[in-house]
Protein backbone atom coordinates (compact mmCIF):
# COMPACT_ATOMS: atom_id res chain seq x y z
CA MET A 1 -13.25 -24.79 15.49
CA ARG A 2 -14.36 -22.00 13.16
CA LEU A 3 -14.95 -18.62 14.73
CA PHE A 4 -17.39 -17.55 12.00
CA GLU A 5 -20.25 -19.44 10.39
CA ASP A 6 -21.04 -18.91 6.72
CA SER A 7 -24.15 -16.99 7.70
CA ASP A 8 -21.99 -14.61 9.77
CA LEU A 9 -19.76 -13.84 6.81
CA ARG A 10 -22.36 -13.57 4.05
CA PRO A 11 -23.28 -9.92 4.83
CA PHE A 12 -19.63 -8.91 4.66
CA VAL A 13 -19.06 -10.71 1.37
CA GLN A 14 -22.02 -8.76 0.00
CA LEU A 15 -20.65 -5.55 1.49
CA ARG A 16 -17.26 -6.20 -0.10
CA ARG A 17 -18.86 -6.72 -3.48
CA ASP A 18 -20.97 -3.60 -3.09
CA ILE A 19 -17.86 -1.53 -2.34
CA HIS A 20 -16.13 -3.21 -5.29
CA ALA A 21 -18.96 -2.19 -7.61
CA HIS A 22 -18.71 1.43 -6.44
CA PRO A 23 -14.97 2.21 -6.34
CA GLU A 24 -13.76 5.61 -5.17
CA LEU A 25 -10.32 7.11 -5.68
CA ALA A 26 -8.07 8.71 -3.06
CA PHE A 27 -9.84 11.23 -0.82
CA GLU A 28 -13.09 10.60 -2.72
CA GLU A 29 -14.19 7.64 -0.56
CA HIS A 30 -17.37 9.38 0.63
CA ARG A 31 -19.78 6.53 -0.07
CA THR A 32 -17.39 3.90 1.32
CA ALA A 33 -16.68 5.96 4.44
CA ALA A 34 -20.40 6.44 5.07
CA LEU A 35 -21.01 2.69 4.80
CA VAL A 36 -18.15 2.00 7.22
CA ALA A 37 -19.32 4.62 9.71
CA GLN A 38 -22.88 3.28 9.73
CA GLN A 39 -21.73 -0.29 10.23
CA LEU A 40 -19.51 0.70 13.14
CA ARG A 41 -22.32 2.64 14.80
CA ASP A 42 -24.64 -0.32 14.37
CA PHE A 43 -22.06 -2.49 16.16
CA GLY A 44 -21.81 -0.05 19.08
CA TYR A 45 -18.58 1.82 18.33
CA THR A 46 -18.01 5.51 18.86
CA VAL A 47 -17.35 6.88 15.37
CA THR A 48 -15.35 9.89 14.21
CA GLU A 49 -15.61 10.75 10.52
CA GLY A 50 -13.63 13.05 8.25
CA ILE A 51 -10.18 12.43 9.74
CA GLY A 52 -7.64 13.35 7.10
CA GLY A 53 -10.43 14.04 4.65
CA THR A 54 -12.45 10.85 4.36
CA GLY A 55 -10.93 8.68 7.08
CA VAL A 56 -13.10 6.93 9.67
CA LEU A 57 -12.20 5.95 13.23
CA GLY A 58 -14.23 3.48 15.27
CA GLN A 59 -13.47 3.21 18.99
CA MET A 60 -14.60 0.96 21.81
CA HIS A 61 -13.33 1.38 25.37
CA ARG A 62 -13.71 -1.24 28.08
CA GLY A 63 -12.05 0.02 31.20
CA PRO A 64 -8.33 0.35 31.86
CA GLY A 65 -5.84 -1.60 29.80
CA LYS A 66 -3.71 -1.53 26.68
CA ARG A 67 -4.64 0.32 23.51
CA LEU A 68 -4.69 -1.45 20.14
CA GLY A 69 -4.99 -0.11 16.60
CA LEU A 70 -6.11 -2.08 13.53
CA ARG A 71 -6.03 -0.40 10.14
CA ALA A 72 -7.70 -1.03 6.76
CA ASP A 73 -7.46 1.05 3.56
CA MET A 74 -10.47 2.05 1.46
CA ASP A 75 -9.41 3.62 -1.87
CA ALA A 76 -9.54 2.23 -5.41
CA LEU A 77 -7.36 2.77 -8.49
CA PRO A 78 -7.80 4.54 -11.87
CA ILE A 79 -7.97 1.26 -13.82
CA GLN A 80 -10.66 -0.04 -16.17
CA GLU A 81 -11.81 -3.42 -14.87
CA ALA A 82 -11.62 -6.32 -17.34
CA SER A 83 -14.11 -8.84 -15.97
CA GLN A 84 -17.78 -9.78 -16.12
CA LYS A 85 -18.95 -10.39 -12.57
CA ASP A 86 -22.12 -9.31 -10.85
CA TRP A 87 -19.97 -6.98 -8.73
CA THR A 88 -17.76 -5.62 -11.52
CA SER A 89 -17.05 -1.90 -11.18
CA ARG A 90 -19.91 0.30 -12.34
CA VAL A 91 -17.64 3.34 -12.58
CA PRO A 92 -15.73 3.59 -15.87
CA GLY A 93 -11.97 3.77 -15.44
CA ARG A 94 -12.00 2.90 -11.75
CA MET A 95 -11.74 -0.39 -9.91
CA HIS A 96 -10.66 -1.99 -6.67
CA ALA A 97 -7.56 -3.52 -8.23
CA CYS A 98 -5.66 -3.87 -4.95
CA GLY A 99 -8.23 -5.44 -2.63
CA HIS A 100 -8.91 -2.51 -0.34
CA ASP A 101 -12.60 -3.38 -0.62
CA GLY A 102 -11.73 -6.72 0.97
CA HIS A 103 -9.53 -5.20 3.65
CA THR A 104 -12.39 -2.91 4.67
CA ALA A 105 -14.99 -5.69 4.74
CA THR A 106 -12.64 -7.94 6.72
CA LEU A 107 -12.03 -5.38 9.44
CA LEU A 108 -15.77 -4.71 9.69
CA ALA A 109 -16.45 -8.43 10.11
CA ALA A 110 -13.92 -8.51 12.93
CA ALA A 111 -15.41 -5.34 14.41
CA GLN A 112 -18.83 -6.96 14.72
CA ARG A 113 -17.45 -10.04 16.46
CA LEU A 114 -15.20 -8.03 18.77
CA ALA A 115 -18.11 -5.82 19.84
CA ALA A 116 -19.85 -8.98 21.08
CA SER A 117 -16.76 -10.62 22.57
CA GLN A 118 -16.23 -10.49 26.32
CA GLU A 119 -12.64 -11.75 26.05
CA TRP A 120 -10.85 -8.41 25.98
CA GLN A 121 -10.36 -5.26 28.06
CA GLY A 122 -8.87 -1.90 27.14
CA SER A 123 -9.22 0.32 24.09
CA LEU A 124 -9.78 -0.85 20.52
CA ASN A 125 -9.20 1.65 17.71
CA LEU A 126 -10.30 0.69 14.19
CA VAL A 127 -8.74 2.92 11.53
CA PHE A 128 -10.27 3.05 8.04
CA GLN A 129 -7.80 5.02 5.97
CA PRO A 130 -8.28 6.86 2.68
CA ALA A 131 -5.77 7.37 -0.11
CA GLU A 132 -3.20 4.64 0.39
CA GLU A 133 -2.57 4.47 -3.37
CA GLY A 134 -0.05 7.28 -3.58
CA GLY A 135 -2.14 9.87 -1.77
CA GLY A 136 -0.48 9.54 1.62
CA GLY A 137 -3.73 9.13 3.50
CA ALA A 138 -1.89 7.82 6.56
CA LEU A 139 0.06 11.07 6.85
CA ARG A 140 -3.12 13.11 6.39
CA MET A 141 -4.91 11.19 9.15
CA MET A 142 -1.96 11.56 11.52
CA ALA A 143 -1.63 15.27 10.76
CA ASP A 144 -5.33 15.56 11.58
CA GLY A 145 -4.69 14.14 15.06
CA LEU A 146 -5.46 10.45 14.56
CA PHE A 147 -3.23 9.18 17.34
CA GLU A 148 -4.14 12.03 19.66
CA LYS A 149 -7.79 11.01 19.26
CA ALA A 150 -6.88 7.32 19.44
CA PRO A 151 -3.63 6.64 21.33
CA CYS A 152 -2.29 3.16 20.55
CA ASP A 153 0.38 1.00 22.14
CA ALA A 154 0.71 -0.90 18.84
CA ILE A 155 -0.94 -0.98 15.42
CA PHE A 156 -1.39 -3.76 12.86
CA ALA A 157 -2.56 -4.06 9.24
CA PHE A 158 -2.63 -6.69 6.50
CA HIS A 159 -2.65 -6.80 2.71
CA ASN A 160 -3.82 -9.60 0.47
CA MET A 161 -1.12 -11.00 -1.81
CA PRO A 162 -1.75 -12.93 -5.04
CA GLY A 163 0.84 -15.56 -5.85
CA PHE A 164 0.65 -17.23 -2.43
CA PRO A 165 -1.80 -19.95 -1.35
CA ALA A 166 -5.15 -18.55 -0.30
CA GLY A 167 -5.27 -17.99 3.46
CA GLU A 168 -1.51 -18.35 4.04
CA LEU A 169 -0.23 -15.71 6.48
CA LEU A 170 3.22 -14.24 5.82
CA PHE A 171 5.23 -12.20 8.32
CA ARG A 172 8.57 -10.44 8.14
CA GLU A 173 10.45 -8.83 10.99
CA GLY A 174 12.36 -5.66 10.15
CA PRO A 175 12.29 -3.95 6.73
CA ALA A 176 9.47 -5.50 4.71
CA MET A 177 8.44 -3.02 2.00
CA ALA A 178 10.39 -0.40 0.12
CA SER A 179 10.57 3.34 0.22
CA SER A 180 9.45 5.18 -2.90
CA ASP A 181 10.70 8.41 -4.47
CA TYR A 182 9.74 9.95 -7.79
CA LEU A 183 11.70 12.13 -10.17
CA THR A 184 10.70 14.11 -13.26
CA VAL A 185 13.67 15.06 -15.44
CA HIS A 186 13.40 17.73 -18.12
CA LEU A 187 16.31 17.71 -20.57
CA HIS A 188 16.57 21.04 -22.40
CA GLY A 189 18.49 21.17 -25.66
CA VAL A 190 18.32 22.90 -29.02
CA GLY A 191 15.88 21.53 -31.56
CA GLY A 192 16.18 21.56 -35.31
CA HIS A 193 15.86 19.69 -38.58
CA GLY A 194 16.49 15.95 -38.46
CA ALA A 195 18.82 16.27 -41.45
CA LEU A 196 21.01 18.83 -39.65
CA PRO A 197 21.80 17.30 -36.23
CA HIS A 198 25.08 19.21 -35.99
CA HIS A 199 23.06 22.39 -35.48
CA THR A 200 21.23 20.94 -32.46
CA GLN A 201 21.80 19.61 -28.98
CA ASP A 202 19.63 16.51 -29.18
CA PRO A 203 17.73 15.70 -25.96
CA VAL A 204 16.47 12.40 -27.38
CA VAL A 205 19.98 10.97 -27.67
CA GLY A 206 20.78 12.41 -24.24
CA ALA A 207 17.67 10.76 -22.79
CA ALA A 208 18.60 7.41 -24.34
CA SER A 209 22.08 7.55 -22.85
CA LEU A 210 20.70 8.62 -19.47
CA ILE A 211 18.26 5.70 -19.40
CA MET A 212 21.08 3.24 -19.89
CA ALA A 213 23.37 5.00 -17.41
CA LEU A 214 20.67 4.89 -14.73
CA GLN A 215 20.82 1.10 -14.82
CA THR A 216 24.29 1.30 -13.23
CA VAL A 217 23.08 3.14 -10.12
CA VAL A 218 21.93 -0.07 -8.46
CA ALA A 219 24.14 -2.52 -10.35
CA ARG A 220 27.41 -0.76 -9.53
CA ASN A 221 26.74 1.48 -6.52
CA VAL A 222 24.40 -0.40 -4.17
CA ASP A 223 25.35 -3.39 -2.01
CA PRO A 224 23.93 -6.44 -3.87
CA LEU A 225 22.54 -7.70 -0.55
CA LYS A 226 20.38 -4.57 -0.17
CA PRO A 227 17.52 -4.65 -2.69
CA ALA A 228 16.81 -1.49 -4.65
CA VAL A 229 15.49 -0.56 -8.07
CA VAL A 230 15.49 2.43 -10.43
CA THR A 231 12.77 2.44 -13.07
CA VAL A 232 12.26 4.81 -15.99
CA GLY A 233 8.53 4.48 -16.50
CA ALA A 234 7.91 7.11 -19.18
CA VAL A 235 9.82 9.03 -21.84
CA HIS A 236 8.28 11.89 -23.81
CA ALA A 237 10.04 13.70 -26.62
CA GLY A 238 9.10 15.04 -30.01
CA GLU A 239 6.24 14.35 -32.43
CA ALA A 240 7.73 14.06 -35.93
CA ASN A 241 10.36 11.78 -37.47
CA ASN A 242 12.25 14.61 -39.14
CA VAL A 243 12.34 17.05 -36.24
CA ILE A 244 14.80 16.99 -33.36
CA PRO A 245 12.85 18.35 -30.38
CA SER A 246 14.20 20.88 -27.93
CA GLU A 247 13.09 19.02 -24.82
CA ALA A 248 12.67 15.49 -23.46
CA ARG A 249 10.95 14.44 -20.25
CA LEU A 250 11.58 11.29 -18.20
CA GLU A 251 9.51 9.94 -15.30
CA ILE A 252 11.61 7.90 -12.88
CA SER A 253 10.92 5.98 -9.67
CA LEU A 254 13.38 4.82 -7.02
CA ARG A 255 12.75 2.14 -4.40
CA ALA A 256 14.91 0.81 -1.59
CA LEU A 257 14.59 -1.33 1.53
CA ASP A 258 17.28 0.49 3.49
CA PRO A 259 16.90 4.16 4.51
CA GLU A 260 20.61 4.86 3.89
CA VAL A 261 20.46 3.26 0.44
CA ARG A 262 17.44 5.48 -0.28
CA ILE A 263 19.46 8.60 0.50
CA ASP A 264 22.48 7.41 -1.51
CA MET A 265 20.35 6.54 -4.55
CA ARG A 266 18.80 10.00 -4.67
CA ARG A 267 22.24 11.60 -4.53
CA LEU A 268 23.66 9.28 -7.19
CA VAL A 269 20.74 9.68 -9.56
CA ASP A 270 20.69 13.46 -9.23
CA ARG A 271 24.41 13.69 -9.95
CA LEU A 272 24.22 11.26 -12.87
CA VAL A 273 21.36 13.14 -14.50
CA HIS A 274 23.23 16.44 -14.49
CA GLN A 275 26.53 14.92 -15.61
CA GLN A 276 24.92 13.01 -18.46
CA ALA A 277 23.02 16.10 -19.56
CA GLU A 278 26.17 18.23 -19.53
CA SER A 279 28.06 15.66 -21.61
CA PHE A 280 25.49 16.13 -24.40
CA GLY A 281 25.37 19.89 -24.11
CA LEU A 282 21.97 19.78 -22.43
CA ARG A 283 20.53 21.37 -19.30
CA ALA A 284 18.71 19.18 -16.80
CA ASP A 285 15.95 20.19 -14.40
CA CYS A 286 15.10 17.67 -11.66
CA GLN A 287 11.81 17.74 -9.81
CA TRP A 288 11.84 15.32 -6.86
CA ARG A 289 8.71 14.08 -5.08
CA GLU A 290 9.18 12.17 -1.86
CA GLY A 291 7.01 9.06 -1.63
CA TYR A 292 6.58 6.54 1.17
CA ALA A 293 9.11 5.48 3.80
CA VAL A 294 10.63 2.03 4.22
CA LEU A 295 8.08 -0.12 6.07
CA VAL A 296 9.77 -1.62 9.14
CA ASN A 297 7.96 -4.17 11.32
CA SER A 298 9.01 -3.99 14.97
CA ALA A 299 10.44 -7.20 16.40
CA ALA A 300 8.26 -7.77 19.47
CA GLU A 301 4.97 -7.00 17.72
CA THR A 302 5.85 -9.16 14.71
CA GLN A 303 6.70 -12.09 16.94
CA PHE A 304 3.48 -11.56 18.89
CA ALA A 305 1.36 -11.53 15.73
CA LEU A 306 3.22 -14.57 14.42
CA SER A 307 2.47 -16.50 17.62
CA VAL A 308 -1.24 -15.61 17.33
CA ALA A 309 -1.31 -16.82 13.74
CA ARG A 310 0.36 -20.13 14.62
CA GLU A 311 -2.01 -20.75 17.51
CA THR A 312 -5.03 -19.88 15.37
CA PHE A 313 -4.22 -21.52 12.04
CA GLY A 314 -1.32 -23.92 12.66
CA ASP A 315 2.24 -23.89 11.40
CA ASP A 316 1.29 -25.12 7.92
CA ARG A 317 -0.50 -21.87 7.08
CA VAL A 318 2.09 -19.49 8.52
CA VAL A 319 5.38 -18.23 7.05
CA ALA A 320 7.61 -16.72 9.73
CA GLN A 321 9.92 -14.70 7.48
CA GLY A 322 8.30 -14.02 4.14
CA PRO A 323 9.91 -12.19 1.23
CA MET A 324 10.73 -8.51 1.18
CA LEU A 325 8.69 -6.54 -1.34
CA LEU A 326 9.78 -3.54 -3.39
CA GLY A 327 6.26 -2.20 -3.45
CA SER A 328 5.51 0.71 -1.13
CA GLU A 329 2.86 1.21 1.55
CA ASP A 330 2.01 4.31 3.58
CA PHE A 331 1.30 2.23 6.68
CA SER A 332 5.08 2.71 6.97
CA PHE A 333 4.42 6.18 8.39
CA MET A 334 2.20 4.78 11.13
CA LEU A 335 4.97 2.31 11.97
CA GLN A 336 7.38 5.22 12.32
CA ARG A 337 5.14 6.55 15.08
CA LEU A 338 4.12 3.27 16.71
CA PRO A 339 5.40 -0.29 17.06
CA GLY A 340 3.46 -2.78 15.01
CA CYS A 341 3.36 -5.26 12.16
CA TYR A 342 2.15 -5.33 8.56
CA LEU A 343 1.50 -8.87 7.32
CA LEU A 344 0.39 -10.48 4.07
CA ILE A 345 -2.39 -13.00 3.51
CA GLY A 346 -2.22 -15.09 0.34
CA ASN A 347 -5.02 -14.31 -2.13
CA GLY A 348 -4.41 -17.46 -4.19
CA ASN A 349 -1.72 -18.84 -6.48
CA GLU A 350 -3.80 -20.42 -9.23
CA ALA A 351 -4.74 -18.97 -12.60
CA GLY A 352 -7.67 -16.59 -12.51
CA ALA A 353 -8.72 -13.42 -10.73
CA HIS A 354 -7.40 -14.48 -7.32
CA GLY A 355 -3.94 -15.36 -8.60
CA CYS A 356 -3.79 -12.29 -10.82
CA MET A 357 -1.40 -9.69 -9.42
CA VAL A 358 -2.76 -6.52 -7.86
CA HIS A 359 -3.01 -3.34 -9.97
CA ASN A 360 -4.14 -5.51 -12.89
CA PRO A 361 -7.53 -5.14 -14.67
CA GLY A 362 -8.22 -8.85 -14.13
CA TYR A 363 -7.64 -8.94 -10.36
CA ASP A 364 -10.29 -9.63 -7.71
CA PHE A 365 -10.14 -10.01 -3.94
CA ASN A 366 -10.70 -13.57 -2.71
CA ASP A 367 -13.79 -13.47 -0.48
CA ALA A 368 -12.55 -16.50 1.46
CA LEU A 369 -9.95 -14.20 3.01
CA ILE A 370 -12.65 -12.32 4.92
CA GLU A 371 -12.94 -15.28 7.29
CA THR A 372 -9.17 -15.69 7.56
CA GLY A 373 -8.46 -12.03 8.17
CA ALA A 374 -11.37 -11.42 10.53
CA THR A 375 -10.52 -14.51 12.58
CA PHE A 376 -6.93 -13.32 12.88
CA TRP A 377 -7.98 -9.80 13.94
CA VAL A 378 -10.33 -11.18 16.60
CA ARG A 379 -7.74 -13.54 18.06
CA LEU A 380 -4.99 -10.93 17.93
CA THR A 381 -7.20 -8.39 19.70
CA GLU A 382 -8.26 -10.84 22.40
CA ARG A 383 -4.61 -11.73 23.04
CA PHE A 384 -3.31 -8.16 22.95
CA LEU A 385 -6.14 -6.77 25.13
CA LEU A 386 -6.24 -9.83 27.37
CA LYS A 387 -8.37 -9.49 30.48
CA PRO A 388 -6.39 -9.81 33.69
CA GLN A 389 -7.06 -13.09 35.47
C-alpha cells in the first residue's frame, strides 16, 4: 500500500521545481533555507536557522527515546543548464545539476508525514546542509555546534544516482565513497626563445613528463584491489608558439577509498613532483588542499537501513552491496562523528535527463524519487524511533 497519494506529493514536486528554478551556490542558499525553515515551522518543528552559515535544523521531540538524524543538502553548481523545461534555472551559469533540490524536497515531504505520524517516540533531527559541493558545509555546521544542538544516536542521508533503475535503493557497508585531495603544482624554469631551447629550462616539457609519470602512482604503487585515481584536470603554460614560458601550472586531484592509501598517495605524488622537476632543472612548489574524507557506512546502521528498505519495497528494488564510488561527499565527516549510512536511490537508467549523469548540463532530478525517498525516510524513522510496546 502506498504511503503517499499523488495529491500529497504534488506540493513537493512543485517545491522541488521552484528550488530548481532558483539555484544557489555554496553558502548562498538564503532563499532555499528560508523556504525550508518556513515549511518546517508550518509542520510543527522547532527550527534553528543559520547553522554553519545557511544551514537549517528542524527538530521534533516526543518524550524519552532514541535520537535520529536525517540529512539533505541544498546547494547548486556553477553550470549553465542545457534544457527547456518550465522549471529550468533562471539564474545564468547556475543549476541544480546534482539533485540537491530533490533531496531537500524529499526530506520535507517526509517531515510533513512524520509530524502527523503517531508511530514513533524520541527525537527527530532534520538537517538541511549548505555547501556540499566542495564547500565543506557539513564541517561548518558541526563546528557551529550542530550535534550539540541536536545529539543523534545515528544519522542517515541519500543521494540520487543516474545509471540505475529509478527507485532502486543501493546500500554498501564499509567504505562507499572516496576521499578527495587537491594539489596545485607550479613548475618554475627559465623561459626564452623557442628557437634557443638550450638556453632555457623548459617547464612545458617538464609538465608533460610529470603528467605521464603521475599515471604510475596508482598503477605501480597502489594495491590493485584498493581503488584510487590521480587526475590532472588542468595544465596552464605559455601563450605563444615561439616562446618557452618560465612557469607551468598543473591542477591535480587524488581520490582513494582507503585512508592509508590516501596518505601514501599524497606522499608518493609529492615526492614524484619534486624529483621530476629536479630532473628537468626546474623548481616545484606544491600547494595541497585537503578535501573530503573517505565515506564509511557503519555495519549495524547499514544493515538496519537495508532491512527497512527490503520490508518497504521488496527485494527486487534493493541492492545489498552496491558499487563503491570514487566521487566524494562531505557527509563522510558526519559519519566520522556518528554511526550511520549513506545510500543511493536510482534516478533512472534510460536516455534523457534522468539517466544523464550528475554535474552535467542536461541532468534533472527524477520527481518520482520524492515518493520513494520520503516513504523510506518515514519507515526508517518509525522503525528507529519505535514506540515501546
